[in-house]
PDB file of all heavy atoms in Angstrom:
ATOM      1  N   VAL A   1       0.904  -1.201  -0.007  1.00  0.00           N
ATOM      2  CA  VAL A   1      -0.027  -0.040   0.004  1.00  0.00           C
ATOM      3  C   VAL A   1       0.913   1.250  -0.002  1.00  0.00           C
ATOM      4  O   VAL A   1       1.813   1.263   0.704  1.00  0.00           O
ATOM      5  CB  VAL A   1      -0.867   0.077   1.202  1.00  0.00           C
ATOM      6  CG1 VAL A   1      -1.630   1.272   1.367  1.00  0.00           C
ATOM      7  CG2 VAL A   1      -1.891  -1.294   1.262  1.00  0.00           C
ATOM      8  N   ASN A   2       0.598   2.230  -0.815  1.00  0.00           N
ATOM      9  CA  ASN A   2       1.293   3.487  -0.859  1.00  0.00           C
ATOM     10  C   ASN A   2       1.091   4.220   0.390  1.00  0.00           C
ATOM     11  O   ASN A   2       0.039   4.696   0.633  1.00  0.00           O
ATOM     12  CB  ASN A   2       0.914   4.290  -2.066  1.00  0.00           C
ATOM     13  CG  ASN A   2       1.593   5.546  -2.200  1.00  0.00           C
ATOM     14  OD1 ASN A   2       2.547   5.828  -1.512  1.00  0.00           O
ATOM     15  ND2 ASN A   2       1.001   6.535  -2.991  1.00  0.00           N
ATOM     16  N   PRO A   3       2.138   4.438   1.263  1.00  0.00           N
ATOM     17  CA  PRO A   3       1.893   5.130   2.578  1.00  0.00           C
ATOM     18  C   PRO A   3       2.028   6.648   2.330  1.00  0.00           C
ATOM     19  O   PRO A   3       1.735   7.405   3.360  1.00  0.00           O
ATOM     20  CB  PRO A   3       3.051   4.675   3.425  1.00  0.00           C
ATOM     21  CG  PRO A   3       4.118   4.271   2.444  1.00  0.00           C
ATOM     22  CD  PRO A   3       3.422   3.859   1.117  1.00  0.00           C
ATOM     23  N   LEU A   4       2.331   7.078   1.086  1.00  0.00           N
ATOM     24  CA  LEU A   4       2.496   8.594   0.978  1.00  0.00           C
ATOM     25  C   LEU A   4       1.155   9.220   0.627  1.00  0.00           C
ATOM     26  O   LEU A   4       0.836   9.798  -0.432  1.00  0.00           O
ATOM     27  CB  LEU A   4       3.467   8.778  -0.180  1.00  0.00           C
ATOM     28  CG  LEU A   4       4.842   8.339   0.143  1.00  0.00           C
ATOM     29  CD1 LEU A   4       5.863   8.474  -1.021  1.00  0.00           C
ATOM     30  CD2 LEU A   4       5.545   8.950   1.349  1.00  0.00           C
ATOM     31  N   VAL A   5       0.230   8.960   1.581  1.00  0.00           N
ATOM     32  CA  VAL A   5      -1.189   9.614   1.502  1.00  0.00           C
ATOM     33  C   VAL A   5      -1.417  10.333   2.864  1.00  0.00           C
ATOM     34  O   VAL A   5      -0.627  10.416   3.725  1.00  0.00           O
ATOM     35  CB  VAL A   5      -2.177   8.589   1.300  1.00  0.00           C
ATOM     36  CG1 VAL A   5      -1.866   7.778  -0.088  1.00  0.00           C
ATOM     37  CG2 VAL A   5      -2.171   7.535   2.338  1.00  0.00           C
ATOM     38  N   SER A   6      -2.652  10.987   2.979  1.00  0.00           N
ATOM     39  CA  SER A   6      -2.999  11.470   4.208  1.00  0.00           C
ATOM     40  C   SER A   6      -3.216  10.517   5.331  1.00  0.00           C
ATOM     41  O   SER A   6      -3.666   9.365   5.036  1.00  0.00           O
ATOM     42  CB  SER A   6      -4.334  12.395   3.956  1.00  0.00           C
ATOM     43  OG  SER A   6      -4.273  13.354   3.011  1.00  0.00           O
ATOM     44  N   TRP A   7      -2.718  10.866   6.415  1.00  0.00           N
ATOM     45  CA  TRP A   7      -2.870   9.910   7.656  1.00  0.00           C
ATOM     46  C   TRP A   7      -3.602  10.631   8.715  1.00  0.00           C
ATOM     47  O   TRP A   7      -3.603  11.791   8.858  1.00  0.00           O
ATOM     48  CB  TRP A   7      -1.452   9.640   8.111  1.00  0.00           C
ATOM     49  CG  TRP A   7      -0.799   8.608   7.452  1.00  0.00           C
ATOM     50  CD1 TRP A   7       0.009   8.852   6.140  1.00  0.00           C
ATOM     51  CD2 TRP A   7      -0.513   7.226   7.727  1.00  0.00           C
ATOM     52  NE1 TRP A   7       0.573   7.713   5.815  1.00  0.00           N
ATOM     53  CE2 TRP A   7       0.242   6.658   6.596  1.00  0.00           C
ATOM     54  CE3 TRP A   7      -1.003   6.446   8.758  1.00  0.00           C
ATOM     55  CZ2 TRP A   7       0.585   5.356   6.699  1.00  0.00           C
ATOM     56  CZ3 TRP A   7      -0.646   5.012   8.754  1.00  0.00           C
ATOM     57  CH2 TRP A   7       0.132   4.537   7.746  1.00  0.00           C
ATOM     58  N   TRP A   8      -4.518   9.666   9.454  1.00  0.00           N
ATOM     59  CA  TRP A   8      -5.328  10.293  10.511  1.00  0.00           C
ATOM     60  C   TRP A   8      -4.995   9.479  11.792  1.00  0.00           C
ATOM     61  O   TRP A   8      -4.735   8.241  11.756  1.00  0.00           O
ATOM     62  CB  TRP A   8      -6.776   9.997  10.238  1.00  0.00           C
ATOM     63  CG  TRP A   8      -7.219  10.821   9.150  1.00  0.00           C
ATOM     64  CD1 TRP A   8      -7.373  10.489   7.796  1.00  0.00           C
ATOM     65  CD2 TRP A   8      -7.606  12.269   9.069  1.00  0.00           C
ATOM     66  NE1 TRP A   8      -7.825  11.457   6.909  1.00  0.00           N
ATOM     67  CE2 TRP A   8      -7.923  12.601   7.816  1.00  0.00           C
ATOM     68  CE3 TRP A   8      -7.650  13.290  10.102  1.00  0.00           C
ATOM     69  CZ2 TRP A   8      -8.260  13.956   7.410  1.00  0.00           C
ATOM     70  CZ3 TRP A   8      -8.166  14.513   9.705  1.00  0.00           C
ATOM     71  CH2 TRP A   8      -8.390  14.821   8.543  1.00  0.00           C
ATOM     72  N   LEU A   9      -4.684  10.291  12.803  1.00  0.00           N
ATOM     73  CA  LEU A   9      -4.419   9.606  14.162  1.00  0.00           C
ATOM     74  C   LEU A   9      -5.757   9.484  14.972  1.00  0.00           C
ATOM     75  O   LEU A   9      -6.368  10.648  15.161  1.00  0.00           O
ATOM     76  CB  LEU A   9      -3.439  10.403  14.909  1.00  0.00           C
ATOM     77  CG  LEU A   9      -2.097  10.576  14.167  1.00  0.00           C
ATOM     78  CD1 LEU A   9      -1.170  11.580  15.045  1.00  0.00           C
ATOM     79  CD2 LEU A   9      -1.381   9.406  13.732  1.00  0.00           C
ATOM     80  N   ASP A  10      -6.198   8.360  15.169  1.00  0.00           N
ATOM     81  CA  ASP A  10      -7.521   8.161  15.873  1.00  0.00           C
ATOM     82  C   ASP A  10      -7.303   8.210  17.362  1.00  0.00           C
ATOM     83  O   ASP A  10      -6.754   7.292  17.899  1.00  0.00           O
ATOM     84  CB  ASP A  10      -8.077   6.759  15.382  1.00  0.00           C
ATOM     85  CG  ASP A  10      -9.378   6.381  15.921  1.00  0.00           C
ATOM     86  OD1 ASP A  10      -9.927   7.104  16.964  1.00  0.00           O
ATOM     87  OD2 ASP A  10      -9.924   5.423  15.416  1.00  0.00           O
ATOM     88  N   VAL A  11      -7.771   9.276  17.946  1.00  0.00           N
ATOM     89  CA  VAL A  11      -7.545   9.517  19.403  1.00  0.00           C
ATOM     90  C   VAL A  11      -8.925   9.531  19.922  1.00  0.00           C
ATOM     91  O   VAL A  11      -9.637  10.459  20.014  1.00  0.00           O
ATOM     92  CB  VAL A  11      -6.788  10.922  19.637  1.00  0.00           C
ATOM     93  CG1 VAL A  11      -6.635  11.129  21.095  1.00  0.00           C
ATOM     94  CG2 VAL A  11      -5.483  10.956  18.889  1.00  0.00           C
ATOM     95  N   GLU A  12      -9.153   8.259  20.665  1.00  0.00           N
ATOM     96  CA  GLU A  12     -10.492   8.205  21.463  1.00  0.00           C
ATOM     97  C   GLU A  12     -10.415   7.143  22.531  1.00  0.00           C
ATOM     98  O   GLU A  12      -9.228   6.834  22.709  1.00  0.00           O
ATOM     99  CB  GLU A  12     -11.654   7.846  20.444  1.00  0.00           C
ATOM    100  CG  GLU A  12     -11.306   6.688  19.609  1.00  0.00           C
ATOM    101  CD  GLU A  12     -12.379   6.421  18.444  1.00  0.00           C
ATOM    102  OE1 GLU A  12     -13.620   6.778  18.628  1.00  0.00           O
ATOM    103  OE2 GLU A  12     -12.077   5.771  17.357  1.00  0.00           O
ATOM    104  N   ASN A  13     -11.508   6.832  23.153  1.00  0.00           N
ATOM    105  CA  ASN A  13     -11.520   5.827  24.284  1.00  0.00           C
ATOM    106  C   ASN A  13     -10.578   6.229  25.368  1.00  0.00           C
ATOM    107  O   ASN A  13      -9.387   5.725  25.451  1.00  0.00           O
ATOM    108  CB  ASN A  13     -11.118   4.409  23.684  1.00  0.00           C
ATOM    109  CG  ASN A  13     -11.332   3.453  24.707  1.00  0.00           C
ATOM    110  OD1 ASN A  13     -11.855   3.693  25.877  1.00  0.00           O
ATOM    111  ND2 ASN A  13     -10.816   2.133  24.458  1.00  0.00           N
ATOM    112  N   PRO A  14     -11.041   7.141  26.216  1.00  0.00           N
ATOM    113  CA  PRO A  14     -10.097   7.604  27.389  1.00  0.00           C
ATOM    114  C   PRO A  14      -9.547   6.500  28.179  1.00  0.00           C
ATOM    115  O   PRO A  14      -8.541   6.613  28.792  1.00  0.00           O
ATOM    116  CB  PRO A  14     -11.047   8.512  28.151  1.00  0.00           C
ATOM    117  CG  PRO A  14     -12.125   9.008  27.174  1.00  0.00           C
ATOM    118  CD  PRO A  14     -12.254   7.755  26.331  1.00  0.00           C
ATOM    119  N   SER A  15     -10.199   5.470  28.344  1.00  0.00           N
ATOM    120  CA  SER A  15      -9.828   4.292  29.125  1.00  0.00           C
ATOM    121  C   SER A  15      -8.527   3.540  28.573  1.00  0.00           C
ATOM    122  O   SER A  15      -7.796   2.938  29.302  1.00  0.00           O
ATOM    123  CB  SER A  15     -10.787   3.249  29.270  1.00  0.00           C
ATOM    124  OG  SER A  15     -11.213   2.705  28.227  1.00  0.00           O
ATOM    125  N   GLY A  16      -8.223   3.898  27.203  1.00  0.00           N
ATOM    126  CA  GLY A  16      -6.959   3.280  26.734  1.00  0.00           C
ATOM    127  C   GLY A  16      -5.848   4.133  26.828  1.00  0.00           C
ATOM    128  O   GLY A  16      -4.844   3.872  26.149  1.00  0.00           O
ATOM    129  N   TRP A  17      -5.805   5.383  27.627  1.00  0.00           N
ATOM    130  CA  TRP A  17      -4.861   6.184  27.741  1.00  0.00           C
ATOM    131  C   TRP A  17      -4.431   6.464  29.183  1.00  0.00           C
ATOM    132  O   TRP A  17      -5.173   6.141  30.078  1.00  0.00           O
ATOM    133  CB  TRP A  17      -5.320   7.498  27.175  1.00  0.00           C
ATOM    134  CG  TRP A  17      -5.332   7.547  25.730  1.00  0.00           C
ATOM    135  CD1 TRP A  17      -6.421   7.196  24.955  1.00  0.00           C
ATOM    136  CD2 TRP A  17      -4.392   7.875  24.711  1.00  0.00           C
ATOM    137  NE1 TRP A  17      -6.243   7.279  23.635  1.00  0.00           N
ATOM    138  CE2 TRP A  17      -5.029   7.672  23.441  1.00  0.00           C
ATOM    139  CE3 TRP A  17      -3.169   8.345  24.845  1.00  0.00           C
ATOM    140  CZ2 TRP A  17      -4.351   8.006  22.400  1.00  0.00           C
ATOM    141  CZ3 TRP A  17      -2.455   8.684  23.573  1.00  0.00           C
ATOM    142  CH2 TRP A  17      -3.120   8.497  22.353  1.00  0.00           C
ATOM    143  N   SER A  18      -3.169   6.982  29.339  1.00  0.00           N
ATOM    144  CA  SER A  18      -2.669   7.340  30.721  1.00  0.00           C
ATOM    145  C   SER A  18      -3.575   8.463  31.344  1.00  0.00           C
ATOM    146  O   SER A  18      -4.084   9.219  30.560  1.00  0.00           O
ATOM    147  CB  SER A  18      -1.240   7.790  30.508  1.00  0.00           C
ATOM    148  OG  SER A  18      -0.827   8.438  31.739  1.00  0.00           O
ATOM    149  N   SER A  19      -3.575   8.552  32.579  1.00  0.00           N
ATOM    150  CA  SER A  19      -4.197   9.716  33.224  1.00  0.00           C
ATOM    151  C   SER A  19      -3.368  10.963  33.150  1.00  0.00           C
ATOM    152  O   SER A  19      -3.821  12.067  33.483  1.00  0.00           O
ATOM    153  CB  SER A  19      -4.465   9.456  34.707  1.00  0.00           C
ATOM    154  OG  SER A  19      -3.269   9.136  35.393  1.00  0.00           O
ATOM    155  N   ASN A  20      -2.148  10.920  32.648  1.00  0.00           N
ATOM    156  CA  ASN A  20      -1.279  11.956  32.438  1.00  0.00           C
ATOM    157  C   ASN A  20      -1.492  12.609  31.062  1.00  0.00           C
ATOM    158  O   ASN A  20      -0.904  12.158  30.086  1.00  0.00           O
ATOM    159  CB  ASN A  20       0.267  11.561  32.496  1.00  0.00           C
ATOM    160  CG  ASN A  20       1.210  12.660  32.530  1.00  0.00           C
ATOM    161  OD1 ASN A  20       1.001  13.671  31.891  1.00  0.00           O
ATOM    162  ND2 ASN A  20       2.274  12.544  33.265  1.00  0.00           N
ATOM    163  N   LEU A  21      -2.224  13.657  31.059  1.00  0.00           N
ATOM    164  CA  LEU A  21      -2.731  14.226  29.846  1.00  0.00           C
ATOM    165  C   LEU A  21      -1.474  14.744  28.980  1.00  0.00           C
ATOM    166  O   LEU A  21      -1.508  14.774  27.792  1.00  0.00           O
ATOM    167  CB  LEU A  21      -3.758  15.309  29.963  1.00  0.00           C
ATOM    168  CG  LEU A  21      -4.996  14.934  30.872  1.00  0.00           C
ATOM    169  CD1 LEU A  21      -5.893  16.087  30.946  1.00  0.00           C
ATOM    170  CD2 LEU A  21      -5.591  13.718  30.267  1.00  0.00           C
ATOM    171  N   ALA A  22      -0.482  15.427  29.690  1.00  0.00           N
ATOM    172  CA  ALA A  22       0.656  15.924  29.000  1.00  0.00           C
ATOM    173  C   ALA A  22       1.422  14.833  28.201  1.00  0.00           C
ATOM    174  O   ALA A  22       1.971  15.131  27.137  1.00  0.00           O
ATOM    175  CB  ALA A  22       1.484  16.758  29.981  1.00  0.00           C
ATOM    176  N   GLU A  23       1.537  13.661  28.988  1.00  0.00           N
ATOM    177  CA  GLU A  23       2.233  12.680  28.295  1.00  0.00           C
ATOM    178  C   GLU A  23       1.455  12.081  26.984  1.00  0.00           C
ATOM    179  O   GLU A  23       1.986  11.761  25.971  1.00  0.00           O
ATOM    180  CB  GLU A  23       2.608  11.476  29.257  1.00  0.00           C
ATOM    181  CG  GLU A  23       3.671  11.818  30.131  1.00  0.00           C
ATOM    182  CD  GLU A  23       4.961  12.056  29.515  1.00  0.00           C
ATOM    183  OE1 GLU A  23       5.379  11.295  28.668  1.00  0.00           O
ATOM    184  OE2 GLU A  23       5.554  13.106  29.742  1.00  0.00           O
ATOM    185  N   ASN A  24       0.125  11.901  27.199  1.00  0.00           N
ATOM    186  CA  ASN A  24      -0.762  11.543  26.096  1.00  0.00           C
ATOM    187  C   ASN A  24      -0.497  12.553  24.935  1.00  0.00           C
ATOM    188  O   ASN A  24      -0.400  12.146  23.776  1.00  0.00           O
ATOM    189  CB  ASN A  24      -2.133  11.557  26.430  1.00  0.00           C
ATOM    190  CG  ASN A  24      -2.373  10.488  27.618  1.00  0.00           C
ATOM    191  OD1 ASN A  24      -1.647   9.499  27.724  1.00  0.00           O
ATOM    192  ND2 ASN A  24      -3.557  10.614  28.222  1.00  0.00           N
ATOM    193  N   ALA A  25      -0.422  13.832  25.181  1.00  0.00           N
ATOM    194  CA  ALA A  25      -0.171  14.808  24.122  1.00  0.00           C
ATOM    195  C   ALA A  25       1.173  14.565  23.488  1.00  0.00           C
ATOM    196  O   ALA A  25       1.379  14.752  22.180  1.00  0.00           O
ATOM    197  CB  ALA A  25      -0.353  16.144  24.558  1.00  0.00           C
ATOM    198  N   GLN A  26       2.196  14.251  24.305  1.00  0.00           N
ATOM    199  CA  GLN A  26       3.519  13.895  23.780  1.00  0.00           C
ATOM    200  C   GLN A  26       3.470  12.749  22.754  1.00  0.00           C
ATOM    201  O   GLN A  26       4.093  12.653  21.763  1.00  0.00           O
ATOM    202  CB  GLN A  26       4.533  13.692  24.856  1.00  0.00           C
ATOM    203  CG  GLN A  26       4.993  14.978  25.620  1.00  0.00           C
ATOM    204  CD  GLN A  26       5.711  15.809  24.580  1.00  0.00           C
ATOM    205  OE1 GLN A  26       6.647  15.425  23.914  1.00  0.00           O
ATOM    206  NE2 GLN A  26       5.572  17.157  24.662  1.00  0.00           N
ATOM    207  N   GLU A  27       2.681  11.700  23.188  1.00  0.00           N
ATOM    208  CA  GLU A  27       2.454  10.579  22.334  1.00  0.00           C
ATOM    209  C   GLU A  27       1.986  10.875  20.981  1.00  0.00           C
ATOM    210  O   GLU A  27       2.449  10.447  19.901  1.00  0.00           O
ATOM    211  CB  GLU A  27       1.695   9.424  23.012  1.00  0.00           C
ATOM    212  CG  GLU A  27       1.660   8.291  22.130  1.00  0.00           C
ATOM    213  CD  GLU A  27       0.857   7.067  22.896  1.00  0.00           C
ATOM    214  OE1 GLU A  27       1.061   6.870  24.030  1.00  0.00           O
ATOM    215  OE2 GLU A  27       0.326   6.294  22.094  1.00  0.00           O
ATOM    216  N   VAL A  28       0.957  11.675  20.920  1.00  0.00           N
ATOM    217  CA  VAL A  28       0.344  12.099  19.678  1.00  0.00           C
ATOM    218  C   VAL A  28       1.279  12.985  18.954  1.00  0.00           C
ATOM    219  O   VAL A  28       1.466  12.781  17.690  1.00  0.00           O
ATOM    220  CB  VAL A  28      -1.006  12.953  20.003  1.00  0.00           C
ATOM    221  CG1 VAL A  28      -1.472  13.510  18.741  1.00  0.00           C
ATOM    222  CG2 VAL A  28      -2.023  12.020  20.644  1.00  0.00           C
ATOM    223  N   GLN A  29       1.995  13.848  19.540  1.00  0.00           N
ATOM    224  CA  GLN A  29       3.009  14.678  18.839  1.00  0.00           C
ATOM    225  C   GLN A  29       4.115  13.789  18.276  1.00  0.00           C
ATOM    226  O   GLN A  29       4.648  13.963  17.043  1.00  0.00           O
ATOM    227  CB  GLN A  29       3.572  15.747  19.805  1.00  0.00           C
ATOM    228  CG  GLN A  29       4.474  16.624  19.025  1.00  0.00           C
ATOM    229  CD  GLN A  29       3.861  17.354  17.898  1.00  0.00           C
ATOM    230  OE1 GLN A  29       2.898  18.189  18.015  1.00  0.00           O
ATOM    231  NE2 GLN A  29       4.409  17.390  16.640  1.00  0.00           N
ATOM    232  N   GLY A  30       4.479  12.693  19.006  1.00  0.00           N
ATOM    233  CA  GLY A  30       5.539  11.767  18.546  1.00  0.00           C
ATOM    234  C   GLY A  30       5.026  11.095  17.103  1.00  0.00           C
ATOM    235  O   GLY A  30       5.809  10.927  16.249  1.00  0.00           O
ATOM    236  N   ALA A  31       3.743  10.628  17.218  1.00  0.00           N
ATOM    237  CA  ALA A  31       3.231  10.091  15.948  1.00  0.00           C
ATOM    238  C   ALA A  31       3.254  10.972  14.686  1.00  0.00           C
ATOM    239  O   ALA A  31       3.548  10.618  13.612  1.00  0.00           O
ATOM    240  CB  ALA A  31       1.817   9.482  16.246  1.00  0.00           C
ATOM    241  N   ILE A  32       2.922  12.231  15.016  1.00  0.00           N
ATOM    242  CA  ILE A  32       2.881  13.302  13.912  1.00  0.00           C
ATOM    243  C   ILE A  32       4.367  13.375  13.432  1.00  0.00           C
ATOM    244  O   ILE A  32       4.504  13.449  12.202  1.00  0.00           O
ATOM    245  CB  ILE A  32       2.367  14.656  14.527  1.00  0.00           C
ATOM    246  CG1 ILE A  32       0.759  14.589  14.812  1.00  0.00           C
ATOM    247  CG2 ILE A  32       2.571  15.817  13.507  1.00  0.00           C
ATOM    248  CD1 ILE A  32       0.186  15.632  15.569  1.00  0.00           C
TER     249      ILE A  32
END
């Protein structure tokens, strides 16, 4: 599959994340 297309980061389901919101934001930024 050609990966050179638009990508979406699916950020939902709060129970699947840490309670540390700043760290969660860092993870999303890392994927970007």
